[in-house]
Amino acid sequence: MKYVLYYESGDADPARLMELFPAHRANWAPYAERGELLMIGPFSDRSGALSIFTTREAAEACAATDPFVTAGLVGSWAVREWMEALVE
């Protein structure tokens, strides 16, 4: 089981996003180093972003302390349980 953290973009100023990006990266980096964060990235249309975590607790903790969230740059966020499947 995996957990998907979904961010919906708010009305964020691109300059503010770039200003906070180093702190945003520093927030999620420890989760990746511990193997709790498997993938992360924005959608190509910049409407939001998606991250895949190994636990709900890690996903929620990461979002709660993310500078993008705490500064109000994320319109909304949610964690969803994902039943991954592989297709051959």
PDB file of N, CA and C in Angstrom:
ATOM      1  N   MET A   1       0.849  -1.173   0.000  1.00  0.00           N
ATOM      2  CA  MET A   1       0.000   0.000   0.000  1.00  0.00           C
ATOM      3  C   MET A   1       0.893   1.233   0.000  1.00  0.00           C
ATOM      4  N   LYS A   2       0.508   2.215  -0.774  1.00  0.00           N
ATOM      5  CA  LYS A   2       1.210   3.488  -0.832  1.00  0.00           C
ATOM      6  C   LYS A   2       0.200   4.593  -0.507  1.00  0.00           C
ATOM      7  N   TYR A   3       0.729   5.793  -0.278  1.00  0.00           N
ATOM      8  CA  TYR A   3      -0.099   6.937   0.054  1.00  0.00           C
ATOM      9  C   TYR A   3       0.292   8.104  -0.843  1.00  0.00           C
ATOM     10  N   VAL A   4      -0.693   8.665  -1.522  1.00  0.00           N
ATOM     11  CA  VAL A   4      -0.470   9.744  -2.460  1.00  0.00           C
ATOM     12  C   VAL A   4      -0.848  11.063  -1.776  1.00  0.00           C
ATOM     13  N   LEU A   5       0.096  11.979  -1.792  1.00  0.00           N
ATOM     14  CA  LEU A   5      -0.150  13.332  -1.311  1.00  0.00           C
ATOM     15  C   LEU A   5      -0.389  14.193  -2.541  1.00  0.00           C
ATOM     16  N   TYR A   6      -1.552  14.810  -2.596  1.00  0.00           N
ATOM     17  CA  TYR A   6      -1.931  15.640  -3.739  1.00  0.00           C
ATOM     18  C   TYR A   6      -2.032  17.083  -3.293  1.00  0.00           C
ATOM     19  N   TYR A   7      -1.336  17.957  -3.989  1.00  0.00           N
ATOM     20  CA  TYR A   7      -1.433  19.399  -3.766  1.00  0.00           C
ATOM     21  C   TYR A   7      -2.189  20.018  -4.918  1.00  0.00           C
ATOM     22  N   GLU A   8      -3.144  20.877  -4.602  1.00  0.00           N
ATOM     23  CA  GLU A   8      -3.791  21.699  -5.618  1.00  0.00           C
ATOM     24  C   GLU A   8      -3.194  23.092  -5.481  1.00  0.00           C
ATOM     25  N   SER A   9      -2.728  23.628  -6.584  1.00  0.00           N
ATOM     26  CA  SER A   9      -2.089  24.941  -6.539  1.00  0.00           C
ATOM     27  C   SER A   9      -3.088  26.023  -6.163  1.00  0.00           C
ATOM     28  N   GLY A  10      -2.590  26.979  -5.405  1.00  0.00           N
ATOM     29  CA  GLY A  10      -3.376  28.164  -5.091  1.00  0.00           C
ATOM     30  C   GLY A  10      -2.975  29.272  -6.043  1.00  0.00           C
ATOM     31  N   ASP A  11      -3.235  30.481  -5.652  1.00  0.00           N
ATOM     32  CA  ASP A  11      -2.848  31.645  -6.456  1.00  0.00           C
ATOM     33  C   ASP A  11      -1.452  32.090  -6.036  1.00  0.00           C
ATOM     34  N   ALA A  12      -0.477  31.253  -6.318  1.00  0.00           N
ATOM     35  CA  ALA A  12       0.891  31.497  -5.869  1.00  0.00           C
ATOM     36  C   ALA A  12       1.685  32.310  -6.879  1.00  0.00           C
ATOM     37  N   ASP A  13       2.363  33.287  -6.381  1.00  0.00           N
ATOM     38  CA  ASP A  13       3.282  34.081  -7.178  1.00  0.00           C
ATOM     39  C   ASP A  13       4.503  33.220  -7.497  1.00  0.00           C
ATOM     40  N   PRO A  14       4.856  33.065  -8.785  1.00  0.00           N
ATOM     41  CA  PRO A  14       6.011  32.240  -9.144  1.00  0.00           C
ATOM     42  C   PRO A  14       7.304  32.668  -8.433  1.00  0.00           C
ATOM     43  N   ALA A  15       7.479  33.957  -8.214  1.00  0.00           N
ATOM     44  CA  ALA A  15       8.681  34.429  -7.519  1.00  0.00           C
ATOM     45  C   ALA A  15       8.697  33.933  -6.074  1.00  0.00           C
ATOM     46  N   ARG A  16       7.535  33.918  -5.440  1.00  0.00           N
ATOM     47  CA  ARG A  16       7.432  33.424  -4.053  1.00  0.00           C
ATOM     48  C   ARG A  16       7.707  31.924  -4.007  1.00  0.00           C
ATOM     49  N   LEU A  17       7.214  31.181  -4.994  1.00  0.00           N
ATOM     50  CA  LEU A  17       7.501  29.749  -5.070  1.00  0.00           C
ATOM     51  C   LEU A  17       9.005  29.506  -5.162  1.00  0.00           C
ATOM     52  N   MET A  18       9.670  30.244  -6.015  1.00  0.00           N
ATOM     53  CA  MET A  18      11.116  30.075  -6.179  1.00  0.00           C
ATOM     54  C   MET A  18      11.868  30.470  -4.906  1.00  0.00           C
ATOM     55  N   GLU A  19      11.384  31.485  -4.234  1.00  0.00           N
ATOM     56  CA  GLU A  19      11.996  31.926  -2.977  1.00  0.00           C
ATOM     57  C   GLU A  19      11.925  30.834  -1.916  1.00  0.00           C
ATOM     58  N   LEU A  20      10.788  30.146  -1.856  1.00  0.00           N
ATOM     59  CA  LEU A  20      10.578  29.121  -0.836  1.00  0.00           C
ATOM     60  C   LEU A  20      11.021  27.724  -1.268  1.00  0.00           C
ATOM     61  N   PHE A  21      11.398  27.566  -2.537  1.00  0.00           N
ATOM     62  CA  PHE A  21      11.741  26.229  -3.024  1.00  0.00           C
ATOM     63  C   PHE A  21      12.857  25.557  -2.224  1.00  0.00           C
ATOM     64  N   PRO A  22      13.955  26.239  -1.880  1.00  0.00           N
ATOM     65  CA  PRO A  22      14.992  25.551  -1.090  1.00  0.00           C
ATOM     66  C   PRO A  22      14.456  25.002   0.244  1.00  0.00           C
ATOM     67  N   ALA A  23      13.612  25.761   0.923  1.00  0.00           N
ATOM     68  CA  ALA A  23      13.033  25.284   2.181  1.00  0.00           C
ATOM     69  C   ALA A  23      12.051  24.140   1.933  1.00  0.00           C
ATOM     70  N   HIS A  24      11.306  24.219   0.832  1.00  0.00           N
ATOM     71  CA  HIS A  24      10.377  23.141   0.439  1.00  0.00           C
ATOM     72  C   HIS A  24      11.158  21.849   0.216  1.00  0.00           C
ATOM     73  N   ARG A  25      12.252  21.948  -0.529  1.00  0.00           N
ATOM     74  CA  ARG A  25      13.091  20.773  -0.789  1.00  0.00           C
ATOM     75  C   ARG A  25      13.712  20.238   0.499  1.00  0.00           C
ATOM     76  N   ALA A  26      14.179  21.125   1.349  1.00  0.00           N
ATOM     77  CA  ALA A  26      14.762  20.700   2.626  1.00  0.00           C
ATOM     78  C   ALA A  26      13.731  19.994   3.498  1.00  0.00           C
ATOM     79  N   ASN A  27      12.457  20.354   3.343  1.00  0.00           N
ATOM     80  CA  ASN A  27      11.398  19.706   4.117  1.00  0.00           C
ATOM     81  C   ASN A  27      11.176  18.266   3.676  1.00  0.00           C
ATOM     82  N   TRP A  28      11.141  18.017   2.354  1.00  0.00           N
ATOM     83  CA  TRP A  28      10.844  16.649   1.910  1.00  0.00           C
ATOM     84  C   TRP A  28      12.072  15.765   1.787  1.00  0.00           C
ATOM     85  N   ALA A  29      13.259  16.332   1.731  1.00  0.00           N
ATOM     86  CA  ALA A  29      14.482  15.537   1.535  1.00  0.00           C
ATOM     87  C   ALA A  29      14.682  14.440   2.588  1.00  0.00           C
ATOM     88  N   PRO A  30      14.472  14.694   3.873  1.00  0.00           N
ATOM     89  CA  PRO A  30      14.659  13.618   4.852  1.00  0.00           C
ATOM     90  C   PRO A  30      13.727  12.417   4.640  1.00  0.00           C
ATOM     91  N   TYR A  31      12.524  12.684   4.135  1.00  0.00           N
ATOM     92  CA  TYR A  31      11.592  11.582   3.855  1.00  0.00           C
ATOM     93  C   TYR A  31      12.137  10.705   2.725  1.00  0.00           C
ATOM     94  N   ALA A  32      12.716  11.334   1.737  1.00  0.00           N
ATOM     95  CA  ALA A  32      13.327  10.588   0.631  1.00  0.00           C
ATOM     96  C   ALA A  32      14.546   9.806   1.122  1.00  0.00           C
ATOM     97  N   GLU A  33      15.363  10.432   1.944  1.00  0.00           N
ATOM     98  CA  GLU A  33      16.557   9.765   2.470  1.00  0.00           C
ATOM     99  C   GLU A  33      16.203   8.539   3.305  1.00  0.00           C
ATOM    100  N   ARG A  34      15.082   8.599   4.025  1.00  0.00           N
ATOM    101  CA  ARG A  34      14.638   7.459   4.852  1.00  0.00           C
ATOM    102  C   ARG A  34      13.860   6.415   4.046  1.00  0.00           C
ATOM    103  N   GLY A  35      13.615   6.694   2.769  1.00  0.00           N
ATOM    104  CA  GLY A  35      12.865   5.760   1.938  1.00  0.00           C
ATOM    105  C   GLY A  35      11.365   5.864   2.090  1.00  0.00           C
ATOM    106  N   GLU A  36      10.882   6.902   2.764  1.00  0.00           N
ATOM    107  CA  GLU A  36       9.437   7.079   2.957  1.00  0.00           C
ATOM    108  C   GLU A  36       8.797   7.826   1.789  1.00  0.00           C
ATOM    109  N   LEU A  37       9.568   8.635   1.083  1.00  0.00           N
ATOM    110  CA  LEU A  37       9.095   9.371  -0.091  1.00  0.00           C
ATOM    111  C   LEU A  37       9.703   8.720  -1.316  1.00  0.00           C
ATOM    112  N   LEU A  38       8.852   8.217  -2.199  1.00  0.00           N
ATOM    113  CA  LEU A  38       9.312   7.468  -3.368  1.00  0.00           C
ATOM    114  C   LEU A  38       9.390   8.326  -4.629  1.00  0.00           C
ATOM    115  N   MET A  39       8.457   9.253  -4.791  1.00  0.00           N
ATOM    116  CA  MET A  39       8.411  10.124  -5.966  1.00  0.00           C
ATOM    117  C   MET A  39       7.769  11.438  -5.562  1.00  0.00           C
ATOM    118  N   ILE A  40       8.172  12.509  -6.261  1.00  0.00           N
ATOM    119  CA  ILE A  40       7.586  13.820  -5.991  1.00  0.00           C
ATOM    120  C   ILE A  40       7.739  14.688  -7.236  1.00  0.00           C
ATOM    121  N   GLY A  41       6.747  15.514  -7.504  1.00  0.00           N
ATOM    122  CA  GLY A  41       6.884  16.439  -8.616  1.00  0.00           C
ATOM    123  C   GLY A  41       5.591  17.133  -8.962  1.00  0.00           C
ATOM    124  N   PRO A  42       5.724  18.275  -9.662  1.00  0.00           N
ATOM    125  CA  PRO A  42       4.543  19.027 -10.088  1.00  0.00           C
ATOM    126  C   PRO A  42       3.960  18.456 -11.374  1.00  0.00           C
ATOM    127  N   PHE A  43       2.701  18.767 -11.624  1.00  0.00           N
ATOM    128  CA  PHE A  43       2.091  18.455 -12.901  1.00  0.00           C
ATOM    129  C   PHE A  43       2.619  19.446 -13.937  1.00  0.00           C
ATOM    130  N   SER A  44       2.700  19.040 -15.181  1.00  0.00           N
ATOM    131  CA  SER A  44       3.283  19.891 -16.224  1.00  0.00           C
ATOM    132  C   SER A  44       2.503  21.185 -16.432  1.00  0.00           C
ATOM    133  N   ASP A  45       1.217  21.184 -16.125  1.00  0.00           N
ATOM    134  CA  ASP A  45       0.425  22.415 -16.288  1.00  0.00           C
ATOM    135  C   ASP A  45       0.450  23.293 -15.031  1.00  0.00           C
ATOM    136  N   ARG A  46       1.229  22.872 -14.027  1.00  0.00           N
ATOM    137  CA  ARG A  46       1.413  23.617 -12.764  1.00  0.00           C
ATOM    138  C   ARG A  46       0.117  23.768 -11.965  1.00  0.00           C
ATOM    139  N   SER A  47      -0.839  22.873 -12.195  1.00  0.00           N
ATOM    140  CA  SER A  47      -2.098  22.916 -11.460  1.00  0.00           C
ATOM    141  C   SER A  47      -1.981  22.302 -10.074  1.00  0.00           C
ATOM    142  N   GLY A  48      -0.869  21.646  -9.818  1.00  0.00           N
ATOM    143  CA  GLY A  48      -0.676  20.994  -8.535  1.00  0.00           C
ATOM    144  C   GLY A  48       0.538  20.093  -8.586  1.00  0.00           C
ATOM    145  N   ALA A  49       0.628  19.231  -7.607  1.00  0.00           N
ATOM    146  CA  ALA A  49       1.762  18.314  -7.518  1.00  0.00           C
ATOM    147  C   ALA A  49       1.309  17.026  -6.858  1.00  0.00           C
ATOM    148  N   LEU A  50       2.121  15.997  -7.007  1.00  0.00           N
ATOM    149  CA  LEU A  50       1.815  14.682  -6.467  1.00  0.00           C
ATOM    150  C   LEU A  50       3.084  14.096  -5.866  1.00  0.00           C
ATOM    151  N   SER A  51       2.937  13.450  -4.723  1.00  0.00           N
ATOM    152  CA  SER A  51       4.041  12.750  -4.069  1.00  0.00           C
ATOM    153  C   SER A  51       3.541  11.379  -3.647  1.00  0.00           C
ATOM    154  N   ILE A  52       4.423  10.395  -3.681  1.00  0.00           N
ATOM    155  CA  ILE A  52       4.061   9.041  -3.268  1.00  0.00           C
ATOM    156  C   ILE A  52       4.912   8.668  -2.067  1.00  0.00           C
ATOM    157  N   PHE A  53       4.243   8.291  -0.979  1.00  0.00           N
ATOM    158  CA  PHE A  53       4.877   7.937   0.284  1.00  0.00           C
ATOM    159  C   PHE A  53       4.568   6.490   0.654  1.00  0.00           C
ATOM    160  N   THR A  54       5.377   5.946   1.544  1.00  0.00           N
ATOM    161  CA  THR A  54       5.161   4.574   2.009  1.00  0.00           C
ATOM    162  C   THR A  54       4.214   4.510   3.197  1.00  0.00           C
ATOM    163  N   THR A  55       4.004   5.644   3.901  1.00  0.00           N
ATOM    164  CA  THR A  55       3.067   5.668   5.024  1.00  0.00           C
ATOM    165  C   THR A  55       2.223   6.939   4.995  1.00  0.00           C
ATOM    166  N   ARG A  56       1.018   6.833   5.505  1.00  0.00           N
ATOM    167  CA  ARG A  56       0.135   8.001   5.631  1.00  0.00           C
ATOM    168  C   ARG A  56       0.751   9.026   6.577  1.00  0.00           C
ATOM    169  N   GLU A  57       1.351   8.534   7.668  1.00  0.00           N
ATOM    170  CA  GLU A  57       1.927   9.429   8.661  1.00  0.00           C
ATOM    171  C   GLU A  57       3.016  10.322   8.049  1.00  0.00           C
ATOM    172  N   ALA A  58       3.867   9.734   7.220  1.00  0.00           N
ATOM    173  CA  ALA A  58       4.930  10.511   6.572  1.00  0.00           C
ATOM    174  C   ALA A  58       4.341  11.540   5.617  1.00  0.00           C
ATOM    175  N   ALA A  59       3.350  11.152   4.845  1.00  0.00           N
ATOM    176  CA  ALA A  59       2.728  12.078   3.897  1.00  0.00           C
ATOM    177  C   ALA A  59       2.093  13.257   4.626  1.00  0.00           C
ATOM    178  N   GLU A  60       1.353  12.981   5.684  1.00  0.00           N
ATOM    179  CA  GLU A  60       0.685  14.042   6.431  1.00  0.00           C
ATOM    180  C   GLU A  60       1.685  14.945   7.142  1.00  0.00           C
ATOM    181  N   ALA A  61       2.725  14.356   7.713  1.00  0.00           N
ATOM    182  CA  ALA A  61       3.737  15.149   8.408  1.00  0.00           C
ATOM    183  C   ALA A  61       4.491  16.047   7.432  1.00  0.00           C
ATOM    184  N   CYS A  62       4.816  15.521   6.280  1.00  0.00           N
ATOM    185  CA  CYS A  62       5.524  16.301   5.266  1.00  0.00           C
ATOM    186  C   CYS A  62       4.677  17.487   4.823  1.00  0.00           C
ATOM    187  N   ALA A  63       3.414  17.265   4.550  1.00  0.00           N
ATOM    188  CA  ALA A  63       2.535  18.349   4.111  1.00  0.00           C
ATOM    189  C   ALA A  63       2.346  19.393   5.212  1.00  0.00           C
ATOM    190  N   ALA A  64       2.173  18.951   6.436  1.00  0.00           N
ATOM    191  CA  ALA A  64       1.900  19.873   7.542  1.00  0.00           C
ATOM    192  C   ALA A  64       3.050  20.840   7.803  1.00  0.00           C
ATOM    193  N   THR A  65       4.272  20.436   7.457  1.00  0.00           N
ATOM    194  CA  THR A  65       5.444  21.278   7.716  1.00  0.00           C
ATOM    195  C   THR A  65       6.034  21.885   6.445  1.00  0.00           C
ATOM    196  N   ASP A  66       5.417  21.650   5.308  1.00  0.00           N
ATOM    197  CA  ASP A  66       5.932  22.150   4.034  1.00  0.00           C
ATOM    198  C   ASP A  66       5.788  23.676   3.968  1.00  0.00           C
ATOM    199  N   PRO A  67       6.868  24.400   3.710  1.00  0.00           N
ATOM    200  CA  PRO A  67       6.773  25.850   3.585  1.00  0.00           C
ATOM    201  C   PRO A  67       5.786  26.317   2.515  1.00  0.00           C
ATOM    202  N   PHE A  68       5.601  25.551   1.453  1.00  0.00           N
ATOM    203  CA  PHE A  68       4.594  25.912   0.454  1.00  0.00           C
ATOM    204  C   PHE A  68       3.199  25.915   1.085  1.00  0.00           C
ATOM    205  N   VAL A  69       2.939  24.954   1.971  1.00  0.00           N
ATOM    206  CA  VAL A  69       1.647  24.862   2.649  1.00  0.00           C
ATOM    207  C   VAL A  69       1.530  25.954   3.710  1.00  0.00           C
ATOM    208  N   THR A  70       2.530  26.053   4.577  1.00  0.00           N
ATOM    209  CA  THR A  70       2.444  27.001   5.694  1.00  0.00           C
ATOM    210  C   THR A  70       2.423  28.455   5.226  1.00  0.00           C
ATOM    211  N   ALA A  71       2.992  28.734   4.054  1.00  0.00           N
ATOM    212  CA  ALA A  71       2.968  30.093   3.504  1.00  0.00           C
ATOM    213  C   ALA A  71       1.710  30.362   2.679  1.00  0.00           C
ATOM    214  N   GLY A  72       0.834  29.362   2.549  1.00  0.00           N
ATOM    215  CA  GLY A  72      -0.418  29.548   1.825  1.00  0.00           C
ATOM    216  C   GLY A  72      -0.312  29.444   0.318  1.00  0.00           C
ATOM    217  N   LEU A  73       0.766  28.863  -0.191  1.00  0.00           N
ATOM    218  CA  LEU A  73       0.929  28.739  -1.636  1.00  0.00           C
ATOM    219  C   LEU A  73       0.191  27.534  -2.211  1.00  0.00           C
ATOM    220  N   VAL A  74      -0.200  26.605  -1.357  1.00  0.00           N
ATOM    221  CA  VAL A  74      -0.965  25.425  -1.763  1.00  0.00           C
ATOM    222  C   VAL A  74      -2.428  25.708  -1.468  1.00  0.00           C
ATOM    223  N   GLY A  75      -3.269  25.578  -2.491  1.00  0.00           N
ATOM    224  CA  GLY A  75      -4.697  25.837  -2.319  1.00  0.00           C
ATOM    225  C   GLY A  75      -5.355  24.840  -1.384  1.00  0.00           C
ATOM    226  N   SER A  76      -5.026  23.568  -1.567  1.00  0.00           N
ATOM    227  CA  SER A  76      -5.521  22.505  -0.700  1.00  0.00           C
ATOM    228  C   SER A  76      -4.630  21.283  -0.890  1.00  0.00           C
ATOM    229  N   TRP A  77      -4.683  20.381   0.077  1.00  0.00           N
ATOM    230  CA  TRP A  77      -3.925  19.142  -0.047  1.00  0.00           C
ATOM    231  C   TRP A  77      -4.720  18.002   0.583  1.00  0.00           C
ATOM    232  N   ALA A  78      -4.428  16.800   0.116  1.00  0.00           N
ATOM    233  CA  ALA A  78      -5.111  15.608   0.626  1.00  0.00           C
ATOM    234  C   ALA A  78      -4.179  14.412   0.488  1.00  0.00           C
ATOM    235  N   VAL A  79      -4.355  13.465   1.387  1.00  0.00           N
ATOM    236  CA  VAL A  79      -3.631  12.195   1.322  1.00  0.00           C
ATOM    237  C   VAL A  79      -4.653  11.116   1.020  1.00  0.00           C
ATOM    238  N   ARG A  80      -4.336  10.299   0.016  1.00  0.00           N
ATOM    239  CA  ARG A  80      -5.222   9.205  -0.370  1.00  0.00           C
ATOM    240  C   ARG A  80      -4.457   7.897  -0.360  1.00  0.00           C
ATOM    241  N   GLU A  81      -5.088   6.857   0.136  1.00  0.00           N
ATOM    242  CA  GLU A  81      -4.505   5.519   0.094  1.00  0.00           C
ATOM    243  C   GLU A  81      -4.586   5.014  -1.335  1.00  0.00           C
ATOM    244  N   TRP A  82      -3.471   4.436  -1.815  1.00  0.00           N
ATOM    245  CA  TRP A  82      -3.395   4.001  -3.201  1.00  0.00           C
ATOM    246  C   TRP A  82      -3.021   2.529  -3.244  1.00  0.00           C
ATOM    247  N   MET A  83      -3.858   1.744  -3.910  1.00  0.00           N
ATOM    248  CA  MET A  83      -3.583   0.317  -4.072  1.00  0.00           C
ATOM    249  C   MET A  83      -2.881   0.136  -5.409  1.00  0.00           C
ATOM    250  N   GLU A  84      -1.574   0.215  -5.361  1.00  0.00           N
ATOM    251  CA  GLU A  84      -0.778   0.150  -6.583  1.00  0.00           C
ATOM    252  C   GLU A  84      -0.900  -1.216  -7.254  1.00  0.00           C
ATOM    253  N   ALA A  85      -0.746  -1.221  -8.557  1.00  0.00           N
ATOM    254  CA  ALA A  85      -0.777  -2.457  -9.339  1.00  0.00           C
ATOM    255  C   ALA A  85       0.203  -2.316 -10.490  1.00  0.00           C
ATOM    256  N   LEU A  86       0.806  -3.396 -10.876  1.00  0.00           N
ATOM    257  CA  LEU A  86       1.709  -3.400 -12.010  1.00  0.00           C
ATOM    258  C   LEU A  86       1.047  -4.136 -13.169  1.00  0.00           C
ATOM    259  N   VAL A  87       1.222  -3.620 -14.345  1.00  0.00           N
ATOM    260  CA  VAL A  87       0.682  -4.255 -15.549  1.00  0.00           C
ATOM    261  C   VAL A  87       1.871  -4.698 -16.391  1.00  0.00           C
ATOM    262  N   GLU A  88       1.846  -5.930 -16.809  1.00  0.00           N
ATOM    263  CA  GLU A  88       2.944  -6.450 -17.632  1.00  0.00           C
ATOM    264  C   GLU A  88       2.571  -6.447 -19.088  1.00  0.00           C
TER     265      GLU A  88
END
